[in-house]
Amino acid sequence: MQATAAIEALLSRLAACVDDVVERARSGAELREGEAEGMCAALEELLAHRFKRRQFLLFSVHPWSLAEHAEALSSAAAVRIGVARQTGSTDSARLRAWLYLLLNRRELAAEVDALLTPELCS
């Protein structure tokens, strides 16, 4: 029950942050640095809640590891992953760079949906 409450709280925070970003996007302007920071933080926290803390023998896995699988989706997705790798010096920075690229192209939902398809996850 406590885990469900924690997830619900994280989802509520993410929903509020997404609403803020959507309002900005409706204006037609590109997102500037910092404008989606709350959403990126909320999304990373949600991913981390179920993914980042998992230990596999000697190392832990970060949500960036999931995002890296986007390279297999298309050549454009591979370019975005490459840009994120060059931009960020940590997994968190690379994940946020990737999120910003997708947000500015208005492709976040489609790419995350494609990442979660059974074919790519297996």
Protein backbone atom coordinates (compact mmCIF):
# COMPACT_ATOMS: atom_id res chain seq x y z
CA MET A 1 0.00 0.00 0.00
CA GLN A 2 2.83 2.39 0.89
CA ALA A 3 4.57 1.71 -2.46
CA THR A 4 1.34 2.48 -4.31
CA ALA A 5 0.97 5.77 -2.44
CA ALA A 6 4.55 6.69 -3.32
CA ILE A 7 3.95 5.94 -7.00
CA GLU A 8 0.71 7.91 -6.96
CA ALA A 9 2.51 10.89 -5.45
CA LEU A 10 5.24 10.67 -8.10
CA LEU A 11 2.65 10.40 -10.87
CA SER A 12 0.74 13.40 -9.52
CA ARG A 13 3.93 15.48 -9.44
CA LEU A 14 4.79 14.41 -12.98
CA ALA A 15 1.27 15.25 -14.20
CA ALA A 16 1.48 18.76 -12.73
CA CYS A 17 4.88 19.29 -14.33
CA VAL A 18 3.64 18.00 -17.69
CA ASP A 19 0.73 20.45 -17.51
CA ASP A 20 3.23 23.29 -17.08
CA VAL A 21 5.26 22.13 -20.09
CA VAL A 22 2.12 21.67 -22.20
CA GLU A 23 1.07 25.25 -21.49
CA ARG A 24 4.47 26.44 -22.73
CA ALA A 25 4.29 24.19 -25.79
CA ARG A 26 0.85 25.53 -26.72
CA SER A 27 2.46 28.88 -27.28
CA GLY A 28 4.49 27.28 -30.10
CA ALA A 29 7.85 28.33 -28.70
CA GLU A 30 10.73 25.93 -28.14
CA LEU A 31 11.51 25.05 -24.58
CA ARG A 32 14.49 26.86 -23.15
CA GLU A 33 16.91 25.46 -20.61
CA GLY A 34 15.27 25.22 -17.24
CA GLU A 35 11.66 25.42 -18.46
CA ALA A 36 11.19 21.67 -18.39
CA GLU A 37 13.52 21.07 -15.46
CA GLY A 38 10.67 20.17 -13.10
CA MET A 39 9.21 17.69 -15.55
CA CYS A 40 12.60 16.10 -16.21
CA ALA A 41 13.24 15.79 -12.47
CA ALA A 42 9.80 14.28 -11.87
CA LEU A 43 10.19 11.81 -14.73
CA GLU A 44 13.67 10.79 -13.60
CA GLU A 45 12.42 10.34 -10.04
CA LEU A 46 9.56 8.14 -11.25
CA LEU A 47 11.91 6.05 -13.39
CA ALA A 48 14.39 5.83 -10.54
CA HIS A 49 11.72 4.64 -8.15
CA ARG A 50 11.37 1.37 -10.05
CA PHE A 51 14.53 1.14 -12.15
CA LYS A 52 17.56 3.10 -10.99
CA ARG A 53 17.86 1.47 -7.59
CA ARG A 54 18.00 -2.06 -8.94
CA GLN A 55 21.36 -3.68 -8.28
CA PHE A 56 22.81 -6.22 -10.68
CA LEU A 57 25.78 -7.87 -8.96
CA LEU A 58 28.42 -5.14 -8.88
CA PHE A 59 26.64 -2.22 -10.55
CA SER A 60 23.37 -0.28 -10.46
CA VAL A 61 21.28 0.56 -13.49
CA HIS A 62 20.22 4.13 -14.34
CA PRO A 63 17.13 5.05 -16.43
CA TRP A 64 19.54 6.33 -19.12
CA SER A 65 20.19 2.65 -19.88
CA LEU A 66 16.57 2.32 -21.01
CA ALA A 67 16.74 5.51 -23.09
CA GLU A 68 19.86 4.25 -24.89
CA HIS A 69 17.76 1.49 -26.45
CA ALA A 70 16.12 4.21 -28.56
CA GLU A 71 19.09 3.91 -30.94
CA ALA A 72 17.43 0.83 -32.37
CA LEU A 73 14.22 2.69 -33.25
CA SER A 74 15.42 4.81 -36.17
CA SER A 75 18.38 6.74 -37.51
CA ALA A 76 16.87 9.97 -36.12
CA ALA A 77 16.56 8.37 -32.69
CA ALA A 78 20.18 7.21 -32.91
CA VAL A 79 21.25 10.79 -33.68
CA ARG A 80 19.36 12.07 -30.62
CA ILE A 81 21.06 9.49 -28.40
CA GLY A 82 24.42 10.48 -29.88
CA VAL A 83 23.78 14.16 -29.16
CA ALA A 84 22.73 13.33 -25.60
CA ARG A 85 25.91 11.28 -25.09
CA GLN A 86 28.05 14.18 -26.28
CA THR A 87 26.13 16.74 -24.22
CA GLY A 88 26.03 15.06 -20.84
CA SER A 89 28.90 13.96 -18.67
CA THR A 90 26.72 11.86 -16.33
CA ASP A 91 23.83 9.47 -16.91
CA SER A 92 21.42 12.01 -15.42
CA ALA A 93 22.71 14.77 -17.71
CA ARG A 94 22.47 12.51 -20.77
CA LEU A 95 18.91 11.51 -19.83
CA ARG A 96 17.87 15.15 -19.46
CA ALA A 97 19.53 16.14 -22.74
CA TRP A 98 17.61 13.35 -24.47
CA LEU A 99 14.34 14.46 -22.83
CA TYR A 100 14.89 18.08 -23.91
CA LEU A 101 15.57 17.01 -27.50
CA LEU A 102 12.37 14.99 -27.58
CA LEU A 103 10.33 17.72 -25.91
CA ASN A 104 11.49 20.35 -28.39
CA ARG A 105 10.60 18.07 -31.28
CA ARG A 106 7.31 17.14 -29.61
CA GLU A 107 8.22 13.45 -29.91
CA LEU A 108 8.58 12.38 -26.27
CA ALA A 109 5.34 10.38 -26.04
CA ALA A 110 5.93 8.55 -29.32
CA GLU A 111 9.53 7.64 -28.51
CA VAL A 112 8.79 6.46 -24.96
CA ASP A 113 5.86 4.45 -26.30
CA ALA A 114 8.13 2.86 -28.92
CA LEU A 115 10.74 2.12 -26.25
CA LEU A 116 8.21 0.20 -24.22
CA THR A 117 7.05 -2.07 -27.04
CA PRO A 118 7.49 -5.77 -26.30
CA GLU A 119 9.79 -6.28 -29.31
CA LEU A 120 12.38 -3.82 -28.01
CA CYS A 121 12.07 -4.83 -24.37
CA SER A 122 12.76 -8.50 -24.98
